[in-house]
Amino acid sequence: MKILPVAIAAVLVATPAPARERCDGPERTPGVHITWGFQIGADYTAEEQERFDKMDLRQRGINARTATRTSDGCIEAWVPDGSGGFDTMYFDEDTLELK
């Protein structure tokens, strides 16, 4: 009987807390979403996508050193913090809102 509370406590302690809001959550934008388009040529490579993402961020005044797409729909950017270091910031890949 004493092992159950210990096991529950161990699971709660071992469960990591979310460090940031996910970009692909269901509360992202309510409603019906319809998209369409066409494509000529292959998808962008990771390097090309990073270049475009950095350009988008810089157009919004964010001097990103890197811009990497995450699996949950965010752009992870390293941004200079002014003291010689970098801050890791996360942006929504569609709206570029800070997460």
PDB file of N, CA and C in Angstrom:
ATOM      1  N   MET A   1       0.813  -1.198   0.000  1.00  0.00           N
ATOM      2  CA  MET A   1       0.000   0.000   0.000  1.00  0.00           C
ATOM      3  C   MET A   1       0.859   1.266   0.000  1.00  0.00           C
ATOM      4  N   LYS A   2       2.015   1.204   0.657  1.00  0.00           N
ATOM      5  CA  LYS A   2       2.867   2.396   0.697  1.00  0.00           C
ATOM      6  C   LYS A   2       3.585   2.636  -0.625  1.00  0.00           C
ATOM      7  N   ILE A   3       3.666   1.624  -1.456  1.00  0.00           N
ATOM      8  CA  ILE A   3       4.393   1.769  -2.718  1.00  0.00           C
ATOM      9  C   ILE A   3       3.620   2.621  -3.727  1.00  0.00           C
ATOM     10  N   LEU A   4       2.297   2.613  -3.683  1.00  0.00           N
ATOM     11  CA  LEU A   4       1.500   3.396  -4.630  1.00  0.00           C
ATOM     12  C   LEU A   4       1.735   4.899  -4.487  1.00  0.00           C
ATOM     13  N   PRO A   5       1.686   5.479  -3.285  1.00  0.00           N
ATOM     14  CA  PRO A   5       1.971   6.922  -3.181  1.00  0.00           C
ATOM     15  C   PRO A   5       3.395   7.279  -3.605  1.00  0.00           C
ATOM     16  N   VAL A   6       4.335   6.382  -3.322  1.00  0.00           N
ATOM     17  CA  VAL A   6       5.719   6.633  -3.725  1.00  0.00           C
ATOM     18  C   VAL A   6       5.830   6.600  -5.248  1.00  0.00           C
ATOM     19  N   ALA A   7       5.146   5.662  -5.894  1.00  0.00           N
ATOM     20  CA  ALA A   7       5.178   5.568  -7.353  1.00  0.00           C
ATOM     21  C   ALA A   7       4.527   6.790  -7.994  1.00  0.00           C
ATOM     22  N   ILE A   8       3.412   7.243  -7.449  1.00  0.00           N
ATOM     23  CA  ILE A   8       2.738   8.437  -7.975  1.00  0.00           C
ATOM     24  C   ILE A   8       3.632   9.660  -7.816  1.00  0.00           C
ATOM     25  N   ALA A   9       4.265   9.806  -6.675  1.00  0.00           N
ATOM     26  CA  ALA A   9       5.169  10.933  -6.446  1.00  0.00           C
ATOM     27  C   ALA A   9       6.346  10.884  -7.410  1.00  0.00           C
ATOM     28  N   ALA A  10       6.870   9.693  -7.678  1.00  0.00           N
ATOM     29  CA  ALA A  10       7.999   9.562  -8.603  1.00  0.00           C
ATOM     30  C   ALA A  10       7.604   9.961 -10.016  1.00  0.00           C
ATOM     31  N   VAL A  11       6.398   9.596 -10.433  1.00  0.00           N
ATOM     32  CA  VAL A  11       5.928   9.960 -11.774  1.00  0.00           C
ATOM     33  C   VAL A  11       5.748  11.471 -11.875  1.00  0.00           C
ATOM     34  N   LEU A  12       5.181  12.090 -10.846  1.00  0.00           N
ATOM     35  CA  LEU A  12       4.974  13.536 -10.876  1.00  0.00           C
ATOM     36  C   LEU A  12       6.286  14.304 -10.892  1.00  0.00           C
ATOM     37  N   VAL A  13       7.265  13.820 -10.171  1.00  0.00           N
ATOM     38  CA  VAL A  13       8.567  14.483 -10.133  1.00  0.00           C
ATOM     39  C   VAL A  13       9.295  14.287 -11.453  1.00  0.00           C
ATOM     40  N   ALA A  14       9.144  13.126 -12.074  1.00  0.00           N
ATOM     41  CA  ALA A  14       9.861  12.818 -13.312  1.00  0.00           C
ATOM     42  C   ALA A  14       9.221  13.451 -14.538  1.00  0.00           C
ATOM     43  N   THR A  15       7.993  13.921 -14.436  1.00  0.00           N
ATOM     44  CA  THR A  15       7.314  14.536 -15.577  1.00  0.00           C
ATOM     45  C   THR A  15       7.847  15.942 -15.772  1.00  0.00           C
ATOM     46  N   PRO A  16       8.429  16.240 -16.929  1.00  0.00           N
ATOM     47  CA  PRO A  16       8.979  17.583 -17.146  1.00  0.00           C
ATOM     48  C   PRO A  16       7.873  18.615 -17.343  1.00  0.00           C
ATOM     49  N   ALA A  17       8.135  19.795 -16.852  1.00  0.00           N
ATOM     50  CA  ALA A  17       7.206  20.904 -17.063  1.00  0.00           C
ATOM     51  C   ALA A  17       7.454  21.490 -18.442  1.00  0.00           C
ATOM     52  N   PRO A  18       6.400  21.902 -19.142  1.00  0.00           N
ATOM     53  CA  PRO A  18       6.628  22.503 -20.465  1.00  0.00           C
ATOM     54  C   PRO A  18       7.401  23.815 -20.332  1.00  0.00           C
ATOM     55  N   ALA A  19       8.455  23.949 -21.126  1.00  0.00           N
ATOM     56  CA  ALA A  19       9.299  25.129 -21.047  1.00  0.00           C
ATOM     57  C   ALA A  19       8.695  26.317 -21.783  1.00  0.00           C
ATOM     58  N   ARG A  20       7.830  26.035 -22.739  1.00  0.00           N
ATOM     59  CA  ARG A  20       7.219  27.098 -23.526  1.00  0.00           C
ATOM     60  C   ARG A  20       5.899  26.605 -24.088  1.00  0.00           C
ATOM     61  N   GLU A  21       5.128  27.517 -24.583  1.00  0.00           N
ATOM     62  CA  GLU A  21       3.862  27.173 -25.208  1.00  0.00           C
ATOM     63  C   GLU A  21       4.127  26.496 -26.557  1.00  0.00           C
ATOM     64  N   ARG A  22       3.398  25.426 -26.822  1.00  0.00           N
ATOM     65  CA  ARG A  22       3.546  24.753 -28.117  1.00  0.00           C
ATOM     66  C   ARG A  22       2.915  25.598 -29.201  1.00  0.00           C
ATOM     67  N   CYS A  23       3.504  25.561 -30.380  1.00  0.00           N
ATOM     68  CA  CYS A  23       2.988  26.349 -31.495  1.00  0.00           C
ATOM     69  C   CYS A  23       1.848  25.664 -32.228  1.00  0.00           C
ATOM     70  N   ASP A  24       1.722  24.357 -32.083  1.00  0.00           N
ATOM     71  CA  ASP A  24       0.686  23.641 -32.823  1.00  0.00           C
ATOM     72  C   ASP A  24      -0.470  23.188 -31.955  1.00  0.00           C
ATOM     73  N   GLY A  25      -0.704  23.872 -30.842  1.00  0.00           N
ATOM     74  CA  GLY A  25      -1.786  23.509 -29.947  1.00  0.00           C
ATOM     75  C   GLY A  25      -3.152  23.742 -30.574  1.00  0.00           C
ATOM     76  N   PRO A  26      -4.182  23.065 -30.059  1.00  0.00           N
ATOM     77  CA  PRO A  26      -5.525  23.215 -30.632  1.00  0.00           C
ATOM     78  C   PRO A  26      -6.113  24.602 -30.425  1.00  0.00           C
ATOM     79  N   GLU A  27      -5.618  25.335 -29.454  1.00  0.00           N
ATOM     80  CA  GLU A  27      -6.134  26.680 -29.186  1.00  0.00           C
ATOM     81  C   GLU A  27      -5.479  27.728 -30.072  1.00  0.00           C
ATOM     82  N   ARG A  28      -4.639  27.305 -30.972  1.00  0.00           N
ATOM     83  CA  ARG A  28      -3.863  28.217 -31.810  1.00  0.00           C
ATOM     84  C   ARG A  28      -4.756  29.220 -32.540  1.00  0.00           C
ATOM     85  N   THR A  29      -5.607  28.768 -33.385  1.00  0.00           N
ATOM     86  CA  THR A  29      -6.571  29.637 -34.048  1.00  0.00           C
ATOM     87  C   THR A  29      -7.839  28.839 -34.277  1.00  0.00           C
ATOM     88  N   PRO A  30      -8.918  29.202 -33.630  1.00  0.00           N
ATOM     89  CA  PRO A  30     -10.156  28.446 -33.793  1.00  0.00           C
ATOM     90  C   PRO A  30     -10.767  28.669 -35.171  1.00  0.00           C
ATOM     91  N   GLY A  31     -11.605  27.749 -35.582  1.00  0.00           N
ATOM     92  CA  GLY A  31     -12.317  27.900 -36.834  1.00  0.00           C
ATOM     93  C   GLY A  31     -11.853  26.923 -37.892  1.00  0.00           C
ATOM     94  N   VAL A  32     -12.394  27.080 -39.057  1.00  0.00           N
ATOM     95  CA  VAL A  32     -12.073  26.225 -40.195  1.00  0.00           C
ATOM     96  C   VAL A  32     -10.910  26.850 -40.964  1.00  0.00           C
ATOM     97  N   HIS A  33      -9.953  26.031 -41.330  1.00  0.00           N
ATOM     98  CA  HIS A  33      -8.784  26.504 -42.064  1.00  0.00           C
ATOM     99  C   HIS A  33      -8.739  25.807 -43.417  1.00  0.00           C
ATOM    100  N   ILE A  34      -8.719  26.575 -44.466  1.00  0.00           N
ATOM    101  CA  ILE A  34      -8.638  26.033 -45.812  1.00  0.00           C
ATOM    102  C   ILE A  34      -7.433  26.663 -46.495  1.00  0.00           C
ATOM    103  N   THR A  35      -6.590  25.832 -47.046  1.00  0.00           N
ATOM    104  CA  THR A  35      -5.427  26.340 -47.772  1.00  0.00           C
ATOM    105  C   THR A  35      -5.381  25.691 -49.139  1.00  0.00           C
ATOM    106  N   TRP A  36      -4.790  26.384 -50.067  1.00  0.00           N
ATOM    107  CA  TRP A  36      -4.601  25.835 -51.401  1.00  0.00           C
ATOM    108  C   TRP A  36      -3.379  26.489 -52.004  1.00  0.00           C
ATOM    109  N   GLY A  37      -2.884  25.907 -53.037  1.00  0.00           N
ATOM    110  CA  GLY A  37      -1.721  26.473 -53.703  1.00  0.00           C
ATOM    111  C   GLY A  37      -1.155  25.482 -54.691  1.00  0.00           C
ATOM    112  N   PHE A  38      -0.061  25.874 -55.278  1.00  0.00           N
ATOM    113  CA  PHE A  38       0.636  24.992 -56.195  1.00  0.00           C
ATOM    114  C   PHE A  38       2.117  25.196 -55.989  1.00  0.00           C
ATOM    115  N   GLN A  39       2.873  24.252 -56.463  1.00  0.00           N
ATOM    116  CA  GLN A  39       4.312  24.283 -56.242  1.00  0.00           C
ATOM    117  C   GLN A  39       5.018  23.906 -57.530  1.00  0.00           C
ATOM    118  N   ILE A  40       6.040  24.651 -57.846  1.00  0.00           N
ATOM    119  CA  ILE A  40       6.906  24.322 -58.966  1.00  0.00           C
ATOM    120  C   ILE A  40       8.277  24.036 -58.369  1.00  0.00           C
ATOM    121  N   GLY A  41       8.764  22.856 -58.573  1.00  0.00           N
ATOM    122  CA  GLY A  41      10.066  22.495 -58.029  1.00  0.00           C
ATOM    123  C   GLY A  41       9.931  21.772 -56.701  1.00  0.00           C
ATOM    124  N   ALA A  42      11.065  21.454 -56.131  1.00  0.00           N
ATOM    125  CA  ALA A  42      11.117  20.685 -54.887  1.00  0.00           C
ATOM    126  C   ALA A  42      10.909  21.588 -53.675  1.00  0.00           C
ATOM    127  N   ASP A  43      10.675  20.949 -52.518  1.00  0.00           N
ATOM    128  CA  ASP A  43      10.577  21.693 -51.260  1.00  0.00           C
ATOM    129  C   ASP A  43      11.917  22.362 -50.962  1.00  0.00           C
ATOM    130  N   TYR A  44      11.859  23.393 -50.110  1.00  0.00           N
ATOM    131  CA  TYR A  44      13.092  24.049 -49.691  1.00  0.00           C
ATOM    132  C   TYR A  44      13.935  23.088 -48.858  1.00  0.00           C
ATOM    133  N   THR A  45      15.247  23.210 -48.981  1.00  0.00           N
ATOM    134  CA  THR A  45      16.133  22.476 -48.085  1.00  0.00           C
ATOM    135  C   THR A  45      16.094  23.162 -46.726  1.00  0.00           C
ATOM    136  N   ALA A  46      16.617  22.509 -45.704  1.00  0.00           N
ATOM    137  CA  ALA A  46      16.646  23.100 -44.366  1.00  0.00           C
ATOM    138  C   ALA A  46      17.452  24.396 -44.366  1.00  0.00           C
ATOM    139  N   GLU A  47      18.522  24.425 -45.134  1.00  0.00           N
ATOM    140  CA  GLU A  47      19.359  25.634 -45.211  1.00  0.00           C
ATOM    141  C   GLU A  47      18.604  26.791 -45.873  1.00  0.00           C
ATOM    142  N   GLU A  48      17.892  26.494 -46.959  1.00  0.00           N
ATOM    143  CA  GLU A  48      17.106  27.536 -47.626  1.00  0.00           C
ATOM    144  C   GLU A  48      15.982  28.050 -46.730  1.00  0.00           C
ATOM    145  N   GLN A  49      15.312  27.120 -46.019  1.00  0.00           N
ATOM    146  CA  GLN A  49      14.223  27.525 -45.127  1.00  0.00           C
ATOM    147  C   GLN A  49      14.751  28.412 -44.005  1.00  0.00           C
ATOM    148  N   GLU A  50      15.931  28.087 -43.472  1.00  0.00           N
ATOM    149  CA  GLU A  50      16.522  28.909 -42.419  1.00  0.00           C
ATOM    150  C   GLU A  50      16.813  30.323 -42.935  1.00  0.00           C
ATOM    151  N   ARG A  51      17.310  30.426 -44.150  1.00  0.00           N
ATOM    152  CA  ARG A  51      17.579  31.755 -44.733  1.00  0.00           C
ATOM    153  C   ARG A  51      16.300  32.578 -44.830  1.00  0.00           C
ATOM    154  N   PHE A  52      15.223  31.951 -45.337  1.00  0.00           N
ATOM    155  CA  PHE A  52      13.958  32.675 -45.455  1.00  0.00           C
ATOM    156  C   PHE A  52      13.399  33.063 -44.083  1.00  0.00           C
ATOM    157  N   ASP A  53      13.501  32.153 -43.101  1.00  0.00           N
ATOM    158  CA  ASP A  53      13.005  32.459 -41.759  1.00  0.00           C
ATOM    159  C   ASP A  53      13.798  33.599 -41.125  1.00  0.00           C
ATOM    160  N   LYS A  54      15.118  33.599 -41.307  1.00  0.00           N
ATOM    161  CA  LYS A  54      15.934  34.701 -40.766  1.00  0.00           C
ATOM    162  C   LYS A  54      15.576  36.021 -41.443  1.00  0.00           C
ATOM    163  N   MET A  55      15.325  35.986 -42.752  1.00  0.00           N
ATOM    164  CA  MET A  55      14.918  37.213 -43.444  1.00  0.00           C
ATOM    165  C   MET A  55      13.590  37.723 -42.906  1.00  0.00           C
ATOM    166  N   ASP A  56      12.625  36.816 -42.694  1.00  0.00           N
ATOM    167  CA  ASP A  56      11.323  37.220 -42.144  1.00  0.00           C
ATOM    168  C   ASP A  56      11.481  37.839 -40.762  1.00  0.00           C
ATOM    169  N   LEU A  57      12.290  37.215 -39.910  1.00  0.00           N
ATOM    170  CA  LEU A  57      12.494  37.746 -38.560  1.00  0.00           C
ATOM    171  C   LEU A  57      13.207  39.097 -38.606  1.00  0.00           C
ATOM    172  N   ARG A  58      14.193  39.227 -39.462  1.00  0.00           N
ATOM    173  CA  ARG A  58      14.931  40.491 -39.554  1.00  0.00           C
ATOM    174  C   ARG A  58      14.056  41.616 -40.091  1.00  0.00           C
ATOM    175  N   GLN A  59      13.107  41.288 -40.981  1.00  0.00           N
ATOM    176  CA  GLN A  59      12.168  42.306 -41.453  1.00  0.00           C
ATOM    177  C   GLN A  59      11.283  42.812 -40.325  1.00  0.00           C
ATOM    178  N   ARG A  60      11.130  42.014 -39.283  1.00  0.00           N
ATOM    179  CA  ARG A  60      10.339  42.406 -38.122  1.00  0.00           C
ATOM    180  C   ARG A  60      11.216  42.973 -36.995  1.00  0.00           C
ATOM    181  N   GLY A  61      12.499  43.207 -37.291  1.00  0.00           N
ATOM    182  CA  GLY A  61      13.383  43.832 -36.313  1.00  0.00           C
ATOM    183  C   GLY A  61      14.063  42.877 -35.359  1.00  0.00           C
ATOM    184  N   ILE A  62      14.039  41.582 -35.651  1.00  0.00           N
ATOM    185  CA  ILE A  62      14.656  40.574 -34.786  1.00  0.00           C
ATOM    186  C   ILE A  62      15.918  40.083 -35.483  1.00  0.00           C
ATOM    187  N   ASN A  63      17.083  40.386 -34.919  1.00  0.00           N
ATOM    188  CA  ASN A  63      18.358  40.038 -35.539  1.00  0.00           C
ATOM    189  C   ASN A  63      18.743  38.605 -35.175  1.00  0.00           C
ATOM    190  N   ALA A  64      18.089  37.630 -35.786  1.00  0.00           N
ATOM    191  CA  ALA A  64      18.316  36.223 -35.470  1.00  0.00           C
ATOM    192  C   ALA A  64      19.621  35.730 -36.069  1.00  0.00           C
ATOM    193  N   ARG A  65      20.413  35.035 -35.260  1.00  0.00           N
ATOM    194  CA  ARG A  65      21.662  34.429 -35.743  1.00  0.00           C
ATOM    195  C   ARG A  65      21.366  33.105 -36.443  1.00  0.00           C
ATOM    196  N   THR A  66      20.431  32.332 -35.860  1.00  0.00           N
ATOM    197  CA  THR A  66      19.965  31.096 -36.480  1.00  0.00           C
ATOM    198  C   THR A  66      18.445  31.076 -36.412  1.00  0.00           C
ATOM    199  N   ALA A  67      17.823  30.280 -37.265  1.00  0.00           N
ATOM    200  CA  ALA A  67      16.366  30.120 -37.261  1.00  0.00           C
ATOM    201  C   ALA A  67      16.058  28.698 -37.704  1.00  0.00           C
ATOM    202  N   THR A  68      15.747  27.850 -36.745  1.00  0.00           N
ATOM    203  CA  THR A  68      15.526  26.433 -37.014  1.00  0.00           C
ATOM    204  C   THR A  68      14.067  26.084 -36.746  1.00  0.00           C
ATOM    205  N   ARG A  69      13.447  25.346 -37.645  1.00  0.00           N
ATOM    206  CA  ARG A  69      12.062  24.892 -37.454  1.00  0.00           C
ATOM    207  C   ARG A  69      12.039  23.727 -36.470  1.00  0.00           C
ATOM    208  N   THR A  70      11.117  23.781 -35.508  1.00  0.00           N
ATOM    209  CA  THR A  70      10.956  22.692 -34.548  1.00  0.00           C
ATOM    210  C   THR A  70       9.823  21.781 -34.999  1.00  0.00           C
ATOM    211  N   SER A  71       9.692  20.638 -34.355  1.00  0.00           N
ATOM    212  CA  SER A  71       8.678  19.659 -34.748  1.00  0.00           C
ATOM    213  C   SER A  71       7.259  20.086 -34.390  1.00  0.00           C
ATOM    214  N   ASP A  72       7.109  21.083 -33.524  1.00  0.00           N
ATOM    215  CA  ASP A  72       5.763  21.492 -33.118  1.00  0.00           C
ATOM    216  C   ASP A  72       5.314  22.805 -33.758  1.00  0.00           C
ATOM    217  N   GLY A  73       5.974  23.216 -34.831  1.00  0.00           N
ATOM    218  CA  GLY A  73       5.508  24.386 -35.565  1.00  0.00           C
ATOM    219  C   GLY A  73       6.086  25.712 -35.112  1.00  0.00           C
ATOM    220  N   CYS A  74       7.178  25.691 -34.385  1.00  0.00           N
ATOM    221  CA  CYS A  74       7.841  26.922 -33.956  1.00  0.00           C
ATOM    222  C   CYS A  74       9.110  27.147 -34.768  1.00  0.00           C
ATOM    223  N   ILE A  75       9.586  28.375 -34.730  1.00  0.00           N
ATOM    224  CA  ILE A  75      10.912  28.703 -35.236  1.00  0.00           C
ATOM    225  C   ILE A  75      11.763  29.018 -34.011  1.00  0.00           C
ATOM    226  N   GLU A  76      12.814  28.238 -33.806  1.00  0.00           N
ATOM    227  CA  GLU A  76      13.736  28.459 -32.706  1.00  0.00           C
ATOM    228  C   GLU A  76      14.848  29.371 -33.216  1.00  0.00           C
ATOM    229  N   ALA A  77      14.988  30.543 -32.614  1.00  0.00           N
ATOM    230  CA  ALA A  77      15.974  31.520 -33.090  1.00  0.00           C
ATOM    231  C   ALA A  77      16.940  31.879 -31.961  1.00  0.00           C
ATOM    232  N   TRP A  78      18.203  31.958 -32.313  1.00  0.00           N
ATOM    233  CA  TRP A  78      19.207  32.484 -31.393  1.00  0.00           C
ATOM    234  C   TRP A  78      19.339  33.960 -31.693  1.00  0.00           C
ATOM    235  N   VAL A  79      19.076  34.784 -30.681  1.00  0.00           N
ATOM    236  CA  VAL A  79      19.068  36.228 -30.842  1.00  0.00           C
ATOM    237  C   VAL A  79      20.088  36.833 -29.884  1.00  0.00           C
ATOM    238  N   PRO A  80      20.978  37.722 -30.349  1.00  0.00           N
ATOM    239  CA  PRO A  80      21.948  38.357 -29.445  1.00  0.00           C
ATOM    240  C   PRO A  80      21.240  39.081 -28.302  1.00  0.00           C
ATOM    241  N   ASP A  81      21.795  38.919 -27.086  1.00  0.00           N
ATOM    242  CA  ASP A  81      21.159  39.531 -25.916  1.00  0.00           C
ATOM    243  C   ASP A  81      21.753  40.879 -25.528  1.00  0.00           C
ATOM    244  N   GLY A  82      22.747  41.349 -26.264  1.00  0.00           N
ATOM    245  CA  GLY A  82      23.334  42.655 -25.981  1.00  0.00           C
ATOM    246  C   GLY A  82      24.556  42.614 -25.096  1.00  0.00           C
ATOM    247  N   SER A  83      24.802  41.480 -24.414  1.00  0.00           N
ATOM    248  CA  SER A  83      25.963  41.373 -23.538  1.00  0.00           C
ATOM    249  C   SER A  83      26.981  40.375 -24.084  1.00  0.00           C
ATOM    250  N   GLY A  84      26.886  40.063 -25.371  1.00  0.00           N
ATOM    251  CA  GLY A  84      27.814  39.126 -25.979  1.00  0.00           C
ATOM    252  C   GLY A  84      27.301  37.699 -26.035  1.00  0.00           C
ATOM    253  N   GLY A  85      26.173  37.440 -25.407  1.00  0.00           N
ATOM    254  CA  GLY A  85      25.582  36.098 -25.420  1.00  0.00           C
ATOM    255  C   GLY A  85      24.370  36.051 -26.339  1.00  0.00           C
ATOM    256  N   PHE A  86      23.662  34.947 -26.256  1.00  0.00           N
ATOM    257  CA  PHE A  86      22.478  34.756 -27.089  1.00  0.00           C
ATOM    258  C   PHE A  86      21.317  34.273 -26.243  1.00  0.00           C
ATOM    259  N   ASP A  87      20.120  34.689 -26.604  1.00  0.00           N
ATOM    260  CA  ASP A  87      18.884  34.178 -26.022  1.00  0.00           C
ATOM    261  C   ASP A  87      18.230  33.274 -27.048  1.00  0.00           C
ATOM    262  N   THR A  88      17.665  32.169 -26.598  1.00  0.00           N
ATOM    263  CA  THR A  88      16.897  31.307 -27.477  1.00  0.00           C
ATOM    264  C   THR A  88      15.449  31.757 -27.402  1.00  0.00           C
ATOM    265  N   MET A  89      14.887  32.127 -28.529  1.00  0.00           N
ATOM    266  CA  MET A  89      13.510  32.603 -28.586  1.00  0.00           C
ATOM    267  C   MET A  89      12.728  31.726 -29.551  1.00  0.00           C
ATOM    268  N   TYR A  90      11.441  31.551 -29.274  1.00  0.00           N
ATOM    269  CA  TYR A  90      10.582  30.719 -30.107  1.00  0.00           C
ATOM    270  C   TYR A  90       9.470  31.570 -30.694  1.00  0.00           C
ATOM    271  N   PHE A  91       9.249  31.407 -31.996  1.00  0.00           N
ATOM    272  CA  PHE A  91       8.241  32.166 -32.716  1.00  0.00           C
ATOM    273  C   PHE A  91       7.313  31.211 -33.454  1.00  0.00           C
ATOM    274  N   ASP A  92       6.048  31.578 -33.550  1.00  0.00           N
ATOM    275  CA  ASP A  92       5.101  30.809 -34.350  1.00  0.00           C
ATOM    276  C   ASP A  92       5.525  30.907 -35.811  1.00  0.00           C
ATOM    277  N   GLU A  93       5.559  29.789 -36.523  1.00  0.00           N
ATOM    278  CA  GLU A  93       6.077  29.816 -37.910  1.00  0.00           C
ATOM    279  C   GLU A  93       5.112  30.493 -38.876  1.00  0.00           C
ATOM    280  N   ASP A  94       3.840  30.626 -38.525  1.00  0.00           N
ATOM    281  CA  ASP A  94       2.879  31.287 -39.417  1.00  0.00           C
ATOM    282  C   ASP A  94       2.769  32.783 -39.149  1.00  0.00           C
ATOM    283  N   THR A  95       2.714  33.149 -37.870  1.00  0.00           N
ATOM    284  CA  THR A  95       2.474  34.553 -37.513  1.00  0.00           C
ATOM    285  C   THR A  95       3.731  35.265 -37.020  1.00  0.00           C
ATOM    286  N   LEU A  96       4.779  34.528 -36.706  1.00  0.00           N
ATOM    287  CA  LEU A  96       6.025  35.029 -36.118  1.00  0.00           C
ATOM    288  C   LEU A  96       5.785  35.711 -34.767  1.00  0.00           C
ATOM    289  N   GLU A  97       4.732  35.312 -34.073  1.00  0.00           N
ATOM    290  CA  GLU A  97       4.491  35.804 -32.713  1.00  0.00           C
ATOM    291  C   GLU A  97       5.439  35.091 -31.762  1.00  0.00           C
ATOM    292  N   LEU A  98       5.945  35.833 -30.782  1.00  0.00           N
ATOM    293  CA  LEU A  98       6.841  35.265 -29.774  1.00  0.00           C
ATOM    294  C   LEU A  98       6.068  34.309 -28.892  1.00  0.00           C
ATOM    295  N   LYS A  99       6.610  33.132 -28.655  1.00  0.00           N
ATOM    296  CA  LYS A  99       5.969  32.127 -27.798  1.00  0.00           C
ATOM    297  C   LYS A  99       6.637  32.069 -26.456  1.00  0.00           C
TER     298      LYS A  99
END
